[in-house]
């Protein structure tokens, strides 16, 4: 069998050594996922801890179909969503004068590093950030997002459009500062 298979089997047997190895292997990547949804690092750590509790609780249900990392990621994303729902996340409209949004030169994106882009995404309002992450980063459809967040698909679409426009405006501001 494979190392991953042995790792999963050890976790199914609730062996602490294997649980630690699994956590050490995936915690960094999954913390990055949590940081995209959380308002700060402490909140992301809470999400990560809750998610790994669920991973260990439900690992017996993993059917060895598809990627194990993808299975963990889904638990992490769902845990982050539930965590934010407890805080009464609201999907709101922001008066953004989006009709006046100028087009961004493709060069502006080339100057952005991953850390810069993640910082800009983290500054989005909670609902915008949630839908942006679920659609653009995780690849969920608007219908899937609507089911996950108990909203209409149209709300998901409009939140994504507004998130993108807000990101464009933020990038323009950065471009003006850099010039």
C-alpha atoms as a PDB file:
ATOM      1  CA  UNK A   1       0.000   0.000   0.000  1.00  0.00           C
ATOM      2  CA  UNK A   2       0.957   3.664  -0.104  1.00  0.00           C
ATOM      3  CA  UNK A   3       2.278   5.916   2.642  1.00  0.00           C
ATOM      4  CA  UNK A   4      -0.951   7.935   2.499  1.00  0.00           C
ATOM      5  CA  UNK A   5      -3.028   4.774   2.846  1.00  0.00           C
ATOM      6  CA  UNK A   6      -1.009   3.719   5.899  1.00  0.00           C
ATOM      7  CA  UNK A   7      -1.394   7.206   7.360  1.00  0.00           C
ATOM      8  CA  UNK A   8      -5.176   7.115   6.926  1.00  0.00           C
ATOM      9  CA  UNK A   9      -5.428   3.604   8.355  1.00  0.00           C
ATOM     10  CA  UNK A  10      -3.398   4.673  11.397  1.00  0.00           C
ATOM     11  CA  UNK A  11      -5.782   7.585  11.934  1.00  0.00           C
ATOM     12  CA  UNK A  12      -8.790   5.282  11.587  1.00  0.00           C
ATOM     13  CA  UNK A  13      -7.241   3.204  14.388  1.00  0.00           C
ATOM     14  CA  UNK A  14      -6.979   6.500  16.360  1.00  0.00           C
ATOM     15  CA  UNK A  15      -3.203   6.192  16.760  1.00  0.00           C
ATOM     16  CA  UNK A  16      -1.848   9.535  17.961  1.00  0.00           C
ATOM     17  CA  UNK A  17       1.410   9.137  16.016  1.00  0.00           C
ATOM     18  CA  UNK A  18      -0.448   8.887  12.704  1.00  0.00           C
ATOM     19  CA  UNK A  19      -2.807  11.712  13.639  1.00  0.00           C
ATOM     20  CA  UNK A  20       0.216  13.955  14.329  1.00  0.00           C
ATOM     21  CA  UNK A  21       1.810  12.946  11.019  1.00  0.00           C
ATOM     22  CA  UNK A  22      -1.407  13.700   9.123  1.00  0.00           C
ATOM     23  CA  UNK A  23      -1.756  17.066  10.854  1.00  0.00           C
ATOM     24  CA  UNK A  24       1.880  17.960  10.163  1.00  0.00           C
ATOM     25  CA  UNK A  25       1.497  17.010   6.505  1.00  0.00           C
ATOM     26  CA  UNK A  26      -1.671  19.008   5.774  1.00  0.00           C
ATOM     27  CA  UNK A  27      -1.963  21.753   8.412  1.00  0.00           C
ATOM     28  CA  UNK A  28       0.112  24.317   6.492  1.00  0.00           C
ATOM     29  CA  UNK A  29      -1.929  24.047   3.303  1.00  0.00           C
ATOM     30  CA  UNK A  30      -5.203  24.001   5.194  1.00  0.00           C
ATOM     31  CA  UNK A  31      -4.172  27.002   7.306  1.00  0.00           C
ATOM     32  CA  UNK A  32      -3.816  28.907   4.023  1.00  0.00           C
ATOM     33  CA  UNK A  33      -7.396  27.946   3.205  1.00  0.00           C
ATOM     34  CA  UNK A  34      -8.601  29.107   6.624  1.00  0.00           C
ATOM     35  CA  UNK A  35      -6.757  32.420   6.319  1.00  0.00           C
ATOM     36  CA  UNK A  36      -8.698  33.186   3.141  1.00  0.00           C
ATOM     37  CA  UNK A  37     -11.983  32.947   5.043  1.00  0.00           C
ATOM     38  CA  UNK A  38     -10.997  34.264   8.479  1.00  0.00           C
ATOM     39  CA  UNK A  39     -10.757  37.866   9.607  1.00  0.00           C
ATOM     40  CA  UNK A  40      -7.448  37.250  11.367  1.00  0.00           C
ATOM     41  CA  UNK A  41      -4.888  34.542  12.146  1.00  0.00           C
ATOM     42  CA  UNK A  42      -6.444  33.582  15.494  1.00  0.00           C
ATOM     43  CA  UNK A  43      -9.817  32.984  13.864  1.00  0.00           C
ATOM     44  CA  UNK A  44      -8.096  30.931  11.141  1.00  0.00           C
ATOM     45  CA  UNK A  45      -6.367  28.817  13.795  1.00  0.00           C
ATOM     46  CA  UNK A  46      -9.726  28.149  15.461  1.00  0.00           C
ATOM     47  CA  UNK A  47     -11.174  27.105  12.099  1.00  0.00           C
ATOM     48  CA  UNK A  48      -8.192  24.836  11.437  1.00  0.00           C
ATOM     49  CA  UNK A  49      -8.433  23.166  14.834  1.00  0.00           C
ATOM     50  CA  UNK A  50     -12.178  22.571  14.442  1.00  0.00           C
ATOM     51  CA  UNK A  51     -11.630  21.209  10.937  1.00  0.00           C
ATOM     52  CA  UNK A  52      -8.989  18.694  12.019  1.00  0.00           C
ATOM     53  CA  UNK A  53     -11.208  17.510  14.861  1.00  0.00           C
ATOM     54  CA  UNK A  54     -13.795  16.739  12.158  1.00  0.00           C
ATOM     55  CA  UNK A  55     -11.186  15.135   9.879  1.00  0.00           C
ATOM     56  CA  UNK A  56     -10.234  12.714  12.655  1.00  0.00           C
ATOM     57  CA  UNK A  57     -13.863  12.162  13.626  1.00  0.00           C
ATOM     58  CA  UNK A  58     -14.989  11.332  10.071  1.00  0.00           C
ATOM     59  CA  UNK A  59     -11.839   9.815   8.555  1.00  0.00           C
ATOM     60  CA  UNK A  60     -13.457   6.393   8.741  1.00  0.00           C
ATOM     61  CA  UNK A  61     -15.904   7.660   6.084  1.00  0.00           C
ATOM     62  CA  UNK A  62     -13.139   8.415   3.548  1.00  0.00           C
ATOM     63  CA  UNK A  63     -13.729   5.942   0.722  1.00  0.00           C
ATOM     64  CA  UNK A  64     -10.326   6.196  -0.994  1.00  0.00           C
ATOM     65  CA  UNK A  65     -12.059   7.644  -4.041  1.00  0.00           C
ATOM     66  CA  UNK A  66     -10.485  10.871  -5.208  1.00  0.00           C
ATOM     67  CA  UNK A  67      -7.742  12.858  -3.558  1.00  0.00           C
ATOM     68  CA  UNK A  68      -7.457  12.678   0.207  1.00  0.00           C
ATOM     69  CA  UNK A  69      -6.214  16.277   0.311  1.00  0.00           C
ATOM     70  CA  UNK A  70      -9.357  17.343  -1.556  1.00  0.00           C
ATOM     71  CA  UNK A  71     -11.478  15.516   1.014  1.00  0.00           C
ATOM     72  CA  UNK A  72      -9.701  17.351   3.831  1.00  0.00           C
ATOM     73  CA  UNK A  73     -10.014  20.685   1.981  1.00  0.00           C
ATOM     74  CA  UNK A  74     -13.782  20.226   1.680  1.00  0.00           C
ATOM     75  CA  UNK A  75     -14.040  19.663   5.433  1.00  0.00           C
ATOM     76  CA  UNK A  76     -11.899  22.744   6.071  1.00  0.00           C
ATOM     77  CA  UNK A  77     -13.988  24.938   3.757  1.00  0.00           C
ATOM     78  CA  UNK A  78     -17.258  23.693   5.252  1.00  0.00           C
ATOM     79  CA  UNK A  79     -15.904  24.245   8.761  1.00  0.00           C
ATOM     80  CA  UNK A  80     -14.894  27.805   7.847  1.00  0.00           C
ATOM     81  CA  UNK A  81     -18.364  28.468   6.427  1.00  0.00           C
ATOM     82  CA  UNK A  82     -20.066  27.116   9.555  1.00  0.00           C
ATOM     83  CA  UNK A  83     -17.741  29.163  11.738  1.00  0.00           C
ATOM     84  CA  UNK A  84     -18.656  32.349   9.882  1.00  0.00           C
ATOM     85  CA  UNK A  85     -22.364  31.490   9.938  1.00  0.00           C
ATOM     86  CA  UNK A  86     -22.201  31.402  13.730  1.00  0.00           C
ATOM     87  CA  UNK A  87     -21.026  35.014  13.564  1.00  0.00           C
ATOM     88  CA  UNK A  88     -24.121  35.884  11.516  1.00  0.00           C
ATOM     89  CA  UNK A  89     -22.313  36.670   8.285  1.00  0.00           C
ATOM     90  CA  UNK A  90     -24.311  39.066   6.163  1.00  0.00           C
ATOM     91  CA  UNK A  91     -24.346  39.530   2.431  1.00  0.00           C
ATOM     92  CA  UNK A  92     -24.620  43.229   1.915  1.00  0.00           C
ATOM     93  CA  UNK A  93     -24.583  45.684  -0.900  1.00  0.00           C
ATOM     94  CA  UNK A  94     -21.906  48.318  -0.816  1.00  0.00           C
ATOM     95  CA  UNK A  95     -22.323  51.510  -2.778  1.00  0.00           C
ATOM     96  CA  UNK A  96     -19.276  51.121  -4.958  1.00  0.00           C
ATOM     97  CA  UNK A  97     -20.111  53.337  -7.949  1.00  0.00           C
ATOM     98  CA  UNK A  98     -19.124  50.341 -10.065  1.00  0.00           C
ATOM     99  CA  UNK A  99     -20.289  51.981 -13.293  1.00  0.00           C
ATOM    100  CA  UNK A 100     -17.319  54.320 -12.951  1.00  0.00           C
ATOM    101  CA  UNK A 101     -14.740  51.572 -12.485  1.00  0.00           C
ATOM    102  CA  UNK A 102     -11.935  52.057 -15.008  1.00  0.00           C
ATOM    103  CA  UNK A 103     -10.368  49.106 -16.762  1.00  0.00           C
ATOM    104  CA  UNK A 104      -7.139  47.871 -15.251  1.00  0.00           C
ATOM    105  CA  UNK A 105      -4.037  47.578 -17.374  1.00  0.00           C
ATOM    106  CA  UNK A 106      -2.845  43.960 -17.447  1.00  0.00           C
ATOM    107  CA  UNK A 107       0.569  45.225 -16.292  1.00  0.00           C
ATOM    108  CA  UNK A 108      -0.947  46.139 -12.914  1.00  0.00           C
ATOM    109  CA  UNK A 109      -1.528  42.476 -12.141  1.00  0.00           C
ATOM    110  CA  UNK A 110       2.034  41.488 -12.981  1.00  0.00           C
ATOM    111  CA  UNK A 111       3.359  43.661 -10.152  1.00  0.00           C
ATOM    112  CA  UNK A 112       1.164  41.960  -7.574  1.00  0.00           C
ATOM    113  CA  UNK A 113       2.647  39.141  -5.575  1.00  0.00           C
ATOM    114  CA  UNK A 114       0.603  36.335  -4.075  1.00  0.00           C
ATOM    115  CA  UNK A 115       0.878  37.913  -0.626  1.00  0.00           C
ATOM    116  CA  UNK A 116      -0.401  41.244  -2.002  1.00  0.00           C
ATOM    117  CA  UNK A 117      -3.366  39.569  -3.653  1.00  0.00           C
ATOM    118  CA  UNK A 118      -4.186  37.552  -0.521  1.00  0.00           C
ATOM    119  CA  UNK A 119      -4.073  40.753   1.540  1.00  0.00           C
ATOM    120  CA  UNK A 120      -6.468  42.466  -0.864  1.00  0.00           C
ATOM    121  CA  UNK A 121      -8.842  39.503  -0.791  1.00  0.00           C
ATOM    122  CA  UNK A 122      -8.738  39.454   3.006  1.00  0.00           C
ATOM    123  CA  UNK A 123      -9.865  43.096   3.045  1.00  0.00           C
ATOM    124  CA  UNK A 124     -13.074  42.318   1.157  1.00  0.00           C
ATOM    125  CA  UNK A 125     -16.325  42.393   3.147  1.00  0.00           C
ATOM    126  CA  UNK A 126     -17.092  38.962   4.569  1.00  0.00           C
ATOM    127  CA  UNK A 127     -19.808  37.953   2.085  1.00  0.00           C
ATOM    128  CA  UNK A 128     -17.775  39.096  -0.926  1.00  0.00           C
ATOM    129  CA  UNK A 129     -14.688  37.282   0.385  1.00  0.00           C
ATOM    130  CA  UNK A 130     -16.621  34.087   1.061  1.00  0.00           C
ATOM    131  CA  UNK A 131     -18.184  33.901  -2.414  1.00  0.00           C
ATOM    132  CA  UNK A 132     -14.944  34.962  -4.138  1.00  0.00           C
ATOM    133  CA  UNK A 133     -12.986  32.220  -2.364  1.00  0.00           C
ATOM    134  CA  UNK A 134     -15.602  29.543  -2.958  1.00  0.00           C
ATOM    135  CA  UNK A 135     -16.000  30.350  -6.652  1.00  0.00           C
ATOM    136  CA  UNK A 136     -12.623  31.596  -7.868  1.00  0.00           C
ATOM    137  CA  UNK A 137     -10.244  29.759  -5.551  1.00  0.00           C
ATOM    138  CA  UNK A 138     -12.138  26.563  -4.664  1.00  0.00           C
ATOM    139  CA  UNK A 139     -14.014  26.221  -7.968  1.00  0.00           C
ATOM    140  CA  UNK A 140     -17.566  25.796  -6.667  1.00  0.00           C
ATOM    141  CA  UNK A 141     -20.454  26.776  -8.952  1.00  0.00           C
ATOM    142  CA  UNK A 142     -22.917  29.478  -7.925  1.00  0.00           C
ATOM    143  CA  UNK A 143     -25.550  26.796  -7.377  1.00  0.00           C
ATOM    144  CA  UNK A 144     -23.233  24.871  -5.046  1.00  0.00           C
ATOM    145  CA  UNK A 145     -22.336  28.077  -3.193  1.00  0.00           C
ATOM    146  CA  UNK A 146     -26.020  28.922  -2.848  1.00  0.00           C
ATOM    147  CA  UNK A 147     -26.652  25.520  -1.250  1.00  0.00           C
ATOM    148  CA  UNK A 148     -23.659  25.845   1.069  1.00  0.00           C
ATOM    149  CA  UNK A 149     -24.522  29.361   2.243  1.00  0.00           C
ATOM    150  CA  UNK A 150     -28.332  29.153   2.114  1.00  0.00           C
ATOM    151  CA  UNK A 151     -28.569  32.007  -0.392  1.00  0.00           C
ATOM    152  CA  UNK A 152     -29.901  32.347  -3.930  1.00  0.00           C
ATOM    153  CA  UNK A 153     -27.534  31.632  -6.868  1.00  0.00           C
ATOM    154  CA  UNK A 154     -28.175  35.216  -8.013  1.00  0.00           C
ATOM    155  CA  UNK A 155     -26.903  36.509  -4.687  1.00  0.00           C
ATOM    156  CA  UNK A 156     -23.735  34.473  -5.151  1.00  0.00           C
ATOM    157  CA  UNK A 157     -23.265  35.879  -8.657  1.00  0.00           C
ATOM    158  CA  UNK A 158     -23.823  39.484  -7.572  1.00  0.00           C
ATOM    159  CA  UNK A 159     -21.474  39.105  -4.584  1.00  0.00           C
ATOM    160  CA  UNK A 160     -18.781  37.773  -6.934  1.00  0.00           C
ATOM    161  CA  UNK A 161     -19.215  40.641  -9.401  1.00  0.00           C
ATOM    162  CA  UNK A 162     -18.997  43.160  -6.574  1.00  0.00           C
ATOM    163  CA  UNK A 163     -15.963  41.414  -5.064  1.00  0.00           C
ATOM    164  CA  UNK A 164     -14.154  41.548  -8.389  1.00  0.00           C
ATOM    165  CA  UNK A 165     -14.983  45.218  -8.862  1.00  0.00           C
ATOM    166  CA  UNK A 166     -13.779  46.017  -5.362  1.00  0.00           C
ATOM    167  CA  UNK A 167     -10.543  44.113  -6.003  1.00  0.00           C
ATOM    168  CA  UNK A 168     -10.072  46.054  -9.246  1.00  0.00           C
ATOM    169  CA  UNK A 169     -10.467  49.319  -7.380  1.00  0.00           C
ATOM    170  CA  UNK A 170      -7.972  48.193  -4.743  1.00  0.00           C
ATOM    171  CA  UNK A 171      -5.472  47.226  -7.439  1.00  0.00           C
ATOM    172  CA  UNK A 172      -5.925  50.616  -9.098  1.00  0.00           C
ATOM    173  CA  UNK A 173      -5.190  52.289  -5.780  1.00  0.00           C
ATOM    174  CA  UNK A 174      -2.037  50.239  -5.401  1.00  0.00           C
ATOM    175  CA  UNK A 175      -1.047  51.087  -8.958  1.00  0.00           C
ATOM    176  CA  UNK A 176      -1.442  54.808  -8.234  1.00  0.00           C
ATOM    177  CA  UNK A 177       0.671  54.522  -5.087  1.00  0.00           C
ATOM    178  CA  UNK A 178       3.394  52.588  -6.929  1.00  0.00           C
ATOM    179  CA  UNK A 179       3.677  55.191  -9.701  1.00  0.00           C
END
